[in-house]
Amino acid sequence: MAKISPLMILPPAIFAAFAGLAIAGMLRDNPDELPSTFIGNPAPPVPSEAVNGTTQITDADLRTGDITIVNFWASWCPPCRAEHPNLLDLEAQGYRIAGLNFRDQQEQASQYLIDYEDPFFATGFDLRGRVAIDWGVTAPPETFIVDGDGTVLFRFVGPLVGSDYEQRFLPELAKAME
């Protein structure tokens, strides 16, 4: 009887492991969605500085008993400009939206809110993006829905536009408001 070397079994075993991971990834609910470790946990701290000319957000603002939409944005970000009309619409409907600006310049951020209208009840200014890292933000825009006790309920990566916004974000916002 021929003896089989363990080295002959190793390549098929490695291939099977990779194939299993690929199949598991494709069978996820939304394979494009980045998981957030903050869902169900308290919101991380907010910046200690505001965009010039706006109200400073505080950690207590996320724990008032009201649902808060936390939007990470930058004046230099084209997708942020694309979603801005929807932020203004949400604000007009009475939603509380906090705007956390990051990796930007104070002058540009402030002028952006003057030029395009300010949908935010309060802002934070995160020059180096350290707070964004604490929230797990990879690039603007990213938006979180935070419960009235400061618990992160949902994370939306990308601009609040199109069918993805309508089919994923708005239903989660409605669910949070129930």
N, C-alpha and C. Protein backbone atom coordinates (compact mmCIF):
# COMPACT_ATOMS: atom_id res chain seq x y z
N MET A 1 0.84 -1.17 0.00
CA MET A 1 0.00 0.00 0.00
C MET A 1 0.90 1.24 0.00
N ALA A 2 0.59 2.17 -0.91
CA ALA A 2 1.40 3.37 -1.04
C ALA A 2 1.06 4.36 0.06
N LYS A 3 2.10 4.94 0.59
CA LYS A 3 1.92 5.93 1.65
C LYS A 3 1.73 7.31 1.01
N ILE A 4 0.69 8.07 1.48
CA ILE A 4 0.42 9.40 0.94
C ILE A 4 1.13 10.43 1.80
N SER A 5 1.89 11.26 1.14
CA SER A 5 2.64 12.31 1.84
C SER A 5 1.69 13.44 2.26
N PRO A 6 1.87 13.98 3.47
CA PRO A 6 1.05 15.12 3.91
C PRO A 6 1.19 16.32 2.98
N LEU A 7 2.32 16.43 2.31
CA LEU A 7 2.53 17.55 1.38
C LEU A 7 1.61 17.46 0.16
N MET A 8 1.14 16.26 -0.16
CA MET A 8 0.21 16.11 -1.28
C MET A 8 -1.21 16.53 -0.89
N ILE A 9 -1.53 16.45 0.37
CA ILE A 9 -2.87 16.80 0.85
C ILE A 9 -2.98 18.30 1.10
N LEU A 10 -1.88 18.95 1.40
CA LEU A 10 -1.88 20.36 1.77
C LEU A 10 -2.46 21.29 0.68
N PRO A 11 -2.03 21.21 -0.58
CA PRO A 11 -2.60 22.14 -1.58
C PRO A 11 -4.11 22.01 -1.76
N PRO A 12 -4.69 20.81 -1.86
CA PRO A 12 -6.14 20.74 -1.97
C PRO A 12 -6.85 21.26 -0.71
N ALA A 13 -6.26 21.05 0.46
CA ALA A 13 -6.86 21.54 1.71
C ALA A 13 -6.87 23.06 1.73
N ILE A 14 -5.78 23.68 1.31
CA ILE A 14 -5.71 25.15 1.26
C ILE A 14 -6.72 25.69 0.25
N PHE A 15 -6.80 25.06 -0.90
CA PHE A 15 -7.78 25.47 -1.91
C PHE A 15 -9.21 25.38 -1.36
N ALA A 16 -9.51 24.28 -0.69
CA ALA A 16 -10.86 24.09 -0.12
C ALA A 16 -11.17 25.16 0.92
N ALA A 17 -10.17 25.54 1.71
CA ALA A 17 -10.38 26.59 2.72
C ALA A 17 -10.69 27.93 2.05
N PHE A 18 -9.91 28.29 1.03
CA PHE A 18 -10.17 29.54 0.31
C PHE A 18 -11.52 29.52 -0.38
N ALA A 19 -11.88 28.42 -0.98
CA ALA A 19 -13.18 28.30 -1.64
C ALA A 19 -14.31 28.46 -0.62
N GLY A 20 -14.15 27.87 0.55
CA GLY A 20 -15.16 27.99 1.60
C GLY A 20 -15.32 29.43 2.05
N LEU A 21 -14.22 30.15 2.21
CA LEU A 21 -14.29 31.56 2.60
C LEU A 21 -14.97 32.39 1.51
N ALA A 22 -14.65 32.13 0.26
CA ALA A 22 -15.27 32.87 -0.85
C ALA A 22 -16.77 32.62 -0.89
N ILE A 23 -17.18 31.40 -0.73
CA ILE A 23 -18.62 31.07 -0.75
C ILE A 23 -19.33 31.72 0.43
N ALA A 24 -18.72 31.68 1.60
CA ALA A 24 -19.31 32.32 2.79
C ALA A 24 -19.45 33.82 2.57
N GLY A 25 -18.47 34.45 1.95
CA GLY A 25 -18.53 35.89 1.67
C GLY A 25 -19.63 36.23 0.69
N MET A 26 -19.83 35.38 -0.31
CA MET A 26 -20.88 35.65 -1.30
C MET A 26 -22.27 35.42 -0.74
N LEU A 27 -22.41 34.60 0.27
CA LEU A 27 -23.72 34.30 0.83
C LEU A 27 -24.15 35.26 1.93
N ARG A 28 -23.29 36.22 2.29
CA ARG A 28 -23.67 37.23 3.28
C ARG A 28 -24.84 38.04 2.76
N ASP A 29 -25.60 38.67 3.67
CA ASP A 29 -26.75 39.49 3.27
C ASP A 29 -26.35 40.56 2.28
N ASN A 30 -25.29 41.31 2.57
CA ASN A 30 -24.81 42.35 1.68
C ASN A 30 -23.30 42.26 1.62
N PRO A 31 -22.75 41.58 0.60
CA PRO A 31 -21.31 41.36 0.56
C PRO A 31 -20.50 42.65 0.40
N ASP A 32 -21.14 43.75 -0.05
CA ASP A 32 -20.42 45.00 -0.21
C ASP A 32 -20.38 45.82 1.07
N GLU A 33 -21.19 45.46 2.05
CA GLU A 33 -21.29 46.23 3.28
C GLU A 33 -20.12 45.92 4.21
N LEU A 34 -19.52 46.98 4.73
CA LEU A 34 -18.46 46.81 5.70
C LEU A 34 -19.08 46.67 7.08
N PRO A 35 -18.73 45.64 7.81
CA PRO A 35 -19.32 45.49 9.14
C PRO A 35 -18.81 46.58 10.09
N SER A 36 -19.60 46.95 11.05
CA SER A 36 -19.19 47.94 12.03
C SER A 36 -19.23 47.29 13.40
N THR A 37 -18.14 47.45 14.13
CA THR A 37 -18.08 46.88 15.47
C THR A 37 -18.88 47.71 16.46
N PHE A 38 -19.37 48.88 16.03
CA PHE A 38 -20.08 49.77 16.94
C PHE A 38 -21.58 49.52 16.99
N ILE A 39 -22.13 48.74 16.06
CA ILE A 39 -23.56 48.48 16.06
C ILE A 39 -23.93 47.83 17.38
N GLY A 40 -24.88 48.45 18.08
CA GLY A 40 -25.31 47.93 19.38
C GLY A 40 -24.46 48.40 20.54
N ASN A 41 -23.44 49.20 20.27
CA ASN A 41 -22.55 49.70 21.31
C ASN A 41 -22.66 51.22 21.42
N PRO A 42 -22.16 51.79 22.52
CA PRO A 42 -22.19 53.25 22.67
C PRO A 42 -21.38 53.93 21.57
N ALA A 43 -21.88 55.07 21.14
CA ALA A 43 -21.17 55.86 20.12
C ALA A 43 -19.82 56.32 20.67
N PRO A 44 -18.79 56.29 19.84
CA PRO A 44 -17.49 56.82 20.26
C PRO A 44 -17.58 58.33 20.51
N PRO A 45 -16.56 58.91 21.12
CA PRO A 45 -16.56 60.36 21.37
C PRO A 45 -16.63 61.17 20.08
N VAL A 46 -17.09 62.39 20.20
CA VAL A 46 -17.18 63.33 19.08
C VAL A 46 -16.03 64.34 19.20
N PRO A 47 -15.73 65.10 18.12
CA PRO A 47 -14.64 66.08 18.19
C PRO A 47 -14.89 67.15 19.25
N SER A 48 -13.81 67.71 19.76
CA SER A 48 -13.92 68.75 20.79
C SER A 48 -13.94 70.15 20.19
N GLU A 49 -13.97 70.23 18.88
CA GLU A 49 -14.00 71.52 18.18
C GLU A 49 -15.13 71.48 17.16
N ALA A 50 -15.74 72.65 16.90
CA ALA A 50 -16.82 72.76 15.90
C ALA A 50 -16.30 73.39 14.62
N VAL A 51 -17.06 73.24 13.55
CA VAL A 51 -16.79 74.01 12.34
C VAL A 51 -17.09 75.47 12.69
N ASN A 52 -16.22 76.37 12.30
CA ASN A 52 -16.40 77.79 12.62
C ASN A 52 -17.80 78.28 12.25
N GLY A 53 -18.42 79.01 13.19
CA GLY A 53 -19.73 79.60 12.94
C GLY A 53 -20.89 78.66 13.20
N THR A 54 -20.62 77.47 13.76
CA THR A 54 -21.68 76.51 14.04
C THR A 54 -21.67 76.14 15.51
N THR A 55 -22.71 75.43 15.93
CA THR A 55 -22.82 74.95 17.31
C THR A 55 -21.97 73.70 17.48
N GLN A 56 -21.23 73.63 18.58
CA GLN A 56 -20.38 72.48 18.89
C GLN A 56 -21.22 71.28 19.33
N ILE A 57 -20.99 70.13 18.72
CA ILE A 57 -21.64 68.90 19.18
C ILE A 57 -20.91 68.40 20.43
N THR A 58 -21.67 67.78 21.32
CA THR A 58 -21.08 67.16 22.51
C THR A 58 -21.54 65.71 22.57
N ASP A 59 -20.86 64.93 23.38
CA ASP A 59 -21.28 63.54 23.57
C ASP A 59 -22.69 63.48 24.14
N ALA A 60 -23.05 64.47 24.98
CA ALA A 60 -24.39 64.51 25.56
C ALA A 60 -25.47 64.71 24.49
N ASP A 61 -25.12 65.36 23.37
CA ASP A 61 -26.09 65.55 22.28
C ASP A 61 -26.55 64.23 21.68
N LEU A 62 -25.75 63.18 21.84
CA LEU A 62 -26.11 61.86 21.31
C LEU A 62 -26.90 61.04 22.33
N ARG A 63 -27.18 61.64 23.47
CA ARG A 63 -27.88 60.92 24.55
C ARG A 63 -29.03 61.75 25.10
N THR A 64 -29.77 62.41 24.22
CA THR A 64 -30.88 63.28 24.65
C THR A 64 -32.22 62.58 24.65
N GLY A 65 -32.23 61.32 24.20
CA GLY A 65 -33.49 60.60 24.07
C GLY A 65 -34.04 60.65 22.66
N ASP A 66 -33.41 61.42 21.79
CA ASP A 66 -33.83 61.55 20.39
C ASP A 66 -32.87 60.82 19.47
N ILE A 67 -33.41 60.26 18.39
CA ILE A 67 -32.58 59.64 17.35
C ILE A 67 -31.74 60.74 16.70
N THR A 68 -30.47 60.45 16.47
CA THR A 68 -29.57 61.40 15.82
C THR A 68 -28.90 60.73 14.63
N ILE A 69 -28.88 61.43 13.52
CA ILE A 69 -28.12 60.99 12.35
C ILE A 69 -26.76 61.67 12.45
N VAL A 70 -25.69 60.90 12.42
CA VAL A 70 -24.34 61.43 12.50
C VAL A 70 -23.69 61.23 11.14
N ASN A 71 -23.40 62.35 10.47
CA ASN A 71 -22.88 62.32 9.10
C ASN A 71 -21.43 62.81 9.08
N PHE A 72 -20.51 61.96 8.62
CA PHE A 72 -19.12 62.35 8.43
C PHE A 72 -18.97 62.88 7.01
N TRP A 73 -18.43 64.09 6.86
CA TRP A 73 -18.37 64.75 5.56
C TRP A 73 -17.11 65.61 5.46
N ALA A 74 -16.84 66.09 4.25
CA ALA A 74 -15.74 67.03 4.01
C ALA A 74 -16.12 67.91 2.82
N SER A 75 -15.64 69.15 2.84
CA SER A 75 -15.99 70.09 1.76
C SER A 75 -15.36 69.68 0.43
N TRP A 76 -14.25 68.96 0.47
CA TRP A 76 -13.55 68.56 -0.75
C TRP A 76 -14.10 67.26 -1.34
N CYS A 77 -15.13 66.69 -0.76
CA CYS A 77 -15.63 65.36 -1.11
C CYS A 77 -16.82 65.46 -2.08
N PRO A 78 -16.64 65.09 -3.37
CA PRO A 78 -17.76 65.16 -4.32
C PRO A 78 -18.99 64.34 -3.91
N PRO A 79 -18.86 63.10 -3.38
CA PRO A 79 -20.06 62.39 -2.95
C PRO A 79 -20.79 63.10 -1.80
N CYS A 80 -20.05 63.83 -0.97
CA CYS A 80 -20.69 64.61 0.11
C CYS A 80 -21.57 65.70 -0.49
N ARG A 81 -21.10 66.31 -1.55
CA ARG A 81 -21.91 67.34 -2.24
C ARG A 81 -23.15 66.71 -2.86
N ALA A 82 -23.00 65.50 -3.39
CA ALA A 82 -24.13 64.82 -4.02
C ALA A 82 -25.22 64.49 -3.00
N GLU A 83 -24.84 64.13 -1.78
CA GLU A 83 -25.83 63.76 -0.77
C GLU A 83 -26.42 64.96 -0.03
N HIS A 84 -25.80 66.12 -0.17
CA HIS A 84 -26.20 67.30 0.62
C HIS A 84 -27.68 67.66 0.47
N PRO A 85 -28.26 67.63 -0.74
CA PRO A 85 -29.71 67.92 -0.84
C PRO A 85 -30.56 66.95 0.00
N ASN A 86 -30.17 65.70 0.09
CA ASN A 86 -30.93 64.74 0.91
C ASN A 86 -30.77 65.04 2.40
N LEU A 87 -29.60 65.51 2.80
CA LEU A 87 -29.43 65.92 4.20
C LEU A 87 -30.33 67.12 4.52
N LEU A 88 -30.39 68.07 3.59
CA LEU A 88 -31.26 69.23 3.78
C LEU A 88 -32.72 68.79 3.86
N ASP A 89 -33.10 67.81 3.03
CA ASP A 89 -34.47 67.29 3.04
C ASP A 89 -34.78 66.59 4.37
N LEU A 90 -33.85 65.78 4.86
CA LEU A 90 -34.04 65.10 6.14
C LEU A 90 -34.18 66.12 7.27
N GLU A 91 -33.35 67.15 7.22
CA GLU A 91 -33.42 68.20 8.24
C GLU A 91 -34.76 68.92 8.18
N ALA A 92 -35.25 69.19 6.96
CA ALA A 92 -36.55 69.85 6.79
C ALA A 92 -37.69 68.98 7.32
N GLN A 93 -37.51 67.66 7.31
CA GLN A 93 -38.52 66.74 7.85
C GLN A 93 -38.44 66.63 9.37
N GLY A 94 -37.46 67.28 9.97
CA GLY A 94 -37.36 67.30 11.43
C GLY A 94 -36.36 66.35 12.04
N TYR A 95 -35.55 65.70 11.23
CA TYR A 95 -34.54 64.80 11.78
C TYR A 95 -33.37 65.60 12.33
N ARG A 96 -32.80 65.10 13.43
CA ARG A 96 -31.61 65.70 14.04
C ARG A 96 -30.38 65.15 13.33
N ILE A 97 -29.61 66.02 12.72
CA ILE A 97 -28.42 65.59 11.99
C ILE A 97 -27.21 66.33 12.54
N ALA A 98 -26.23 65.56 12.97
CA ALA A 98 -24.96 66.12 13.41
C ALA A 98 -23.95 65.91 12.28
N GLY A 99 -23.20 66.94 11.97
CA GLY A 99 -22.21 66.85 10.90
C GLY A 99 -20.80 66.85 11.46
N LEU A 100 -20.08 65.75 11.26
CA LEU A 100 -18.70 65.67 11.71
C LEU A 100 -17.78 65.79 10.51
N ASN A 101 -17.18 66.97 10.40
CA ASN A 101 -16.28 67.27 9.28
C ASN A 101 -14.90 66.74 9.63
N PHE A 102 -14.24 66.11 8.64
CA PHE A 102 -12.89 65.62 8.93
C PHE A 102 -11.95 65.73 7.75
N ARG A 103 -10.65 65.83 8.12
CA ARG A 103 -9.56 65.99 7.15
C ARG A 103 -9.85 67.14 6.19
N ASP A 104 -10.21 68.25 6.74
CA ASP A 104 -10.62 69.42 5.98
C ASP A 104 -9.93 70.64 6.56
N GLN A 105 -10.16 71.79 5.99
CA GLN A 105 -9.69 73.07 6.53
C GLN A 105 -10.89 73.84 7.07
N GLN A 106 -10.71 74.52 8.18
CA GLN A 106 -11.81 75.24 8.81
C GLN A 106 -12.49 76.20 7.84
N GLU A 107 -11.71 76.96 7.10
CA GLU A 107 -12.28 77.97 6.20
C GLU A 107 -13.16 77.33 5.13
N GLN A 108 -12.66 76.24 4.52
CA GLN A 108 -13.43 75.57 3.48
C GLN A 108 -14.70 74.92 4.04
N ALA A 109 -14.59 74.30 5.20
CA ALA A 109 -15.75 73.65 5.81
C ALA A 109 -16.82 74.67 6.16
N SER A 110 -16.41 75.77 6.76
CA SER A 110 -17.35 76.83 7.14
C SER A 110 -18.00 77.45 5.91
N GLN A 111 -17.21 77.73 4.88
CA GLN A 111 -17.75 78.33 3.66
C GLN A 111 -18.71 77.38 2.95
N TYR A 112 -18.40 76.10 2.98
CA TYR A 112 -19.29 75.10 2.37
C TYR A 112 -20.68 75.17 2.99
N LEU A 113 -20.75 75.25 4.32
CA LEU A 113 -22.05 75.31 5.00
C LEU A 113 -22.77 76.63 4.74
N ILE A 114 -22.02 77.67 4.47
CA ILE A 114 -22.64 78.96 4.10
C ILE A 114 -23.18 78.88 2.68
N ASP A 115 -22.37 78.34 1.77
CA ASP A 115 -22.75 78.30 0.35
C ASP A 115 -23.88 77.32 0.06
N TYR A 116 -23.90 76.19 0.74
CA TYR A 116 -24.85 75.12 0.39
C TYR A 116 -25.94 74.90 1.44
N GLU A 117 -25.98 75.71 2.47
CA GLU A 117 -26.91 75.61 3.60
C GLU A 117 -26.42 74.56 4.58
N ASP A 118 -26.72 74.81 5.84
CA ASP A 118 -26.26 73.96 6.92
C ASP A 118 -27.41 73.09 7.43
N PRO A 119 -27.38 71.78 7.17
CA PRO A 119 -28.45 70.90 7.65
C PRO A 119 -28.23 70.39 9.07
N PHE A 120 -27.11 70.78 9.69
CA PHE A 120 -26.70 70.19 10.95
C PHE A 120 -27.14 71.03 12.15
N PHE A 121 -27.67 70.36 13.20
CA PHE A 121 -28.01 71.08 14.43
C PHE A 121 -26.73 71.40 15.21
N ALA A 122 -25.68 70.60 14.99
CA ALA A 122 -24.38 70.81 15.62
C ALA A 122 -23.32 70.13 14.77
N THR A 123 -22.08 70.61 14.91
CA THR A 123 -20.98 70.03 14.12
C THR A 123 -19.78 69.72 15.00
N GLY A 124 -18.91 68.92 14.42
CA GLY A 124 -17.60 68.67 14.99
C GLY A 124 -16.58 68.83 13.89
N PHE A 125 -15.40 69.31 14.25
CA PHE A 125 -14.32 69.49 13.28
C PHE A 125 -13.16 68.61 13.71
N ASP A 126 -12.79 67.69 12.83
CA ASP A 126 -11.78 66.67 13.10
C ASP A 126 -10.67 66.80 12.07
N LEU A 127 -9.77 67.76 12.29
CA LEU A 127 -8.73 68.11 11.32
C LEU A 127 -7.91 66.91 10.85
N ARG A 128 -7.47 66.10 11.77
CA ARG A 128 -6.58 64.98 11.42
C ARG A 128 -7.33 63.66 11.19
N GLY A 129 -8.63 63.64 11.43
CA GLY A 129 -9.41 62.43 11.20
C GLY A 129 -9.30 61.40 12.29
N ARG A 130 -8.84 61.79 13.47
CA ARG A 130 -8.67 60.82 14.57
C ARG A 130 -10.02 60.34 15.10
N VAL A 131 -10.99 61.25 15.22
CA VAL A 131 -12.31 60.86 15.69
C VAL A 131 -12.97 59.94 14.66
N ALA A 132 -12.78 60.25 13.38
CA ALA A 132 -13.32 59.40 12.32
C ALA A 132 -12.76 57.98 12.44
N ILE A 133 -11.49 57.87 12.76
CA ILE A 133 -10.89 56.54 12.94
C ILE A 133 -11.55 55.83 14.11
N ASP A 134 -11.80 56.58 15.21
CA ASP A 134 -12.47 55.97 16.37
C ASP A 134 -13.85 55.43 16.01
N TRP A 135 -14.52 56.08 15.07
CA TRP A 135 -15.85 55.65 14.63
C TRP A 135 -15.75 54.55 13.57
N GLY A 136 -14.56 54.28 13.06
CA GLY A 136 -14.38 53.26 12.02
C GLY A 136 -14.65 53.78 10.62
N VAL A 137 -14.64 55.11 10.46
CA VAL A 137 -14.90 55.71 9.15
C VAL A 137 -13.66 55.56 8.29
N THR A 138 -13.88 55.11 7.05
CA THR A 138 -12.75 54.92 6.13
C THR A 138 -12.61 56.08 5.16
N ALA A 139 -13.73 56.64 4.70
CA ALA A 139 -13.71 57.77 3.77
C ALA A 139 -15.08 58.43 3.80
N PRO A 140 -15.10 59.75 3.55
CA PRO A 140 -16.41 60.41 3.55
C PRO A 140 -17.16 60.12 2.25
N PRO A 141 -18.46 60.18 2.28
CA PRO A 141 -19.30 60.32 3.46
C PRO A 141 -19.63 58.96 4.06
N GLU A 142 -19.83 58.97 5.36
CA GLU A 142 -20.38 57.83 6.09
C GLU A 142 -21.38 58.38 7.08
N THR A 143 -22.45 57.64 7.30
CA THR A 143 -23.54 58.11 8.14
C THR A 143 -23.96 57.03 9.11
N PHE A 144 -24.19 57.45 10.35
CA PHE A 144 -24.62 56.54 11.41
C PHE A 144 -25.97 56.98 11.94
N ILE A 145 -26.78 56.03 12.35
CA ILE A 145 -28.01 56.31 13.07
C ILE A 145 -27.74 55.94 14.52
N VAL A 146 -27.94 56.92 15.42
CA VAL A 146 -27.64 56.72 16.83
C VAL A 146 -28.94 56.86 17.62
N ASP A 147 -29.22 55.87 18.46
CA ASP A 147 -30.41 55.87 19.31
C ASP A 147 -30.32 56.98 20.35
N GLY A 148 -31.44 57.28 20.98
CA GLY A 148 -31.52 58.36 21.96
C GLY A 148 -30.65 58.16 23.18
N ASP A 149 -30.19 56.93 23.43
CA ASP A 149 -29.30 56.70 24.57
C ASP A 149 -27.83 56.64 24.15
N GLY A 150 -27.55 56.99 22.87
CA GLY A 150 -26.18 57.01 22.38
C GLY A 150 -25.70 55.71 21.80
N THR A 151 -26.59 54.77 21.55
CA THR A 151 -26.22 53.48 20.98
C THR A 151 -26.24 53.56 19.45
N VAL A 152 -25.19 53.09 18.81
CA VAL A 152 -25.12 53.08 17.35
C VAL A 152 -26.04 51.98 16.84
N LEU A 153 -27.01 52.35 16.00
CA LEU A 153 -27.96 51.39 15.46
C LEU A 153 -27.62 50.92 14.05
N PHE A 154 -27.01 51.81 13.25
CA PHE A 154 -26.81 51.49 11.83
C PHE A 154 -25.68 52.33 11.27
N ARG A 155 -24.95 51.76 10.32
CA ARG A 155 -23.87 52.45 9.62
C ARG A 155 -24.14 52.36 8.12
N PHE A 156 -24.06 53.50 7.45
CA PHE A 156 -24.25 53.56 6.01
C PHE A 156 -22.99 54.13 5.39
N VAL A 157 -22.33 53.35 4.55
CA VAL A 157 -21.10 53.77 3.90
C VAL A 157 -21.44 54.32 2.52
N GLY A 158 -20.97 55.53 2.23
CA GLY A 158 -21.21 56.14 0.93
C GLY A 158 -22.25 57.24 1.03
N PRO A 159 -22.52 57.88 -0.11
CA PRO A 159 -23.44 59.01 -0.11
C PRO A 159 -24.90 58.58 0.04
N LEU A 160 -25.67 59.40 0.70
CA LEU A 160 -27.10 59.16 0.90
C LEU A 160 -27.84 59.60 -0.37
N VAL A 161 -27.70 58.79 -1.42
CA VAL A 161 -28.34 59.06 -2.71
C VAL A 161 -28.78 57.75 -3.35
N GLY A 162 -29.72 57.85 -4.26
CA GLY A 162 -30.10 56.72 -5.10
C GLY A 162 -30.88 55.63 -4.40
N SER A 163 -30.94 54.50 -5.08
CA SER A 163 -31.76 53.39 -4.59
C SER A 163 -31.19 52.77 -3.32
N ASP A 164 -29.87 52.77 -3.17
CA ASP A 164 -29.27 52.23 -1.96
C ASP A 164 -29.72 53.05 -0.73
N TYR A 165 -29.76 54.35 -0.88
CA TYR A 165 -30.26 55.25 0.18
C TYR A 165 -31.73 54.95 0.48
N GLU A 166 -32.50 54.81 -0.58
CA GLU A 166 -33.95 54.58 -0.41
C GLU A 166 -34.26 53.19 0.14
N GLN A 167 -33.50 52.19 -0.29
CA GLN A 167 -33.81 50.81 0.08
C GLN A 167 -33.11 50.34 1.35
N ARG A 168 -32.03 51.00 1.74
CA ARG A 168 -31.31 50.56 2.95
C ARG A 168 -31.37 51.58 4.07
N PHE A 169 -31.01 52.84 3.77
CA PHE A 169 -30.91 53.83 4.85
C PHE A 169 -32.28 54.27 5.37
N LEU A 170 -33.16 54.67 4.47
CA LEU A 170 -34.47 55.17 4.91
C LEU A 170 -35.27 54.13 5.71
N PRO A 171 -35.28 52.85 5.31
CA PRO A 171 -35.99 51.86 6.15
C PRO A 171 -35.36 51.72 7.54
N GLU A 172 -34.04 51.78 7.62
CA GLU A 172 -33.38 51.69 8.93
C GLU A 172 -33.70 52.92 9.78
N LEU A 173 -33.79 54.07 9.14
CA LEU A 173 -34.15 55.29 9.87
C LEU A 173 -35.59 55.19 10.38
N ALA A 174 -36.48 54.70 9.52
CA ALA A 174 -37.88 54.52 9.94
C ALA A 174 -37.99 53.53 11.09
N LYS A 175 -37.22 52.45 11.01
CA LYS A 175 -37.22 51.45 12.08
C LYS A 175 -36.72 52.05 13.39
N ALA A 176 -35.69 52.89 13.31
CA ALA A 176 -35.15 53.53 14.51
C ALA A 176 -36.16 54.48 15.14
N MET A 177 -36.98 55.10 14.32
CA MET A 177 -37.95 56.09 14.81
C MET A 177 -39.18 55.44 15.46
N GLU A 178 -39.38 54.13 15.27
CA GLU A 178 -40.56 53.45 15.82
C GLU A 178 -40.55 53.44 17.33
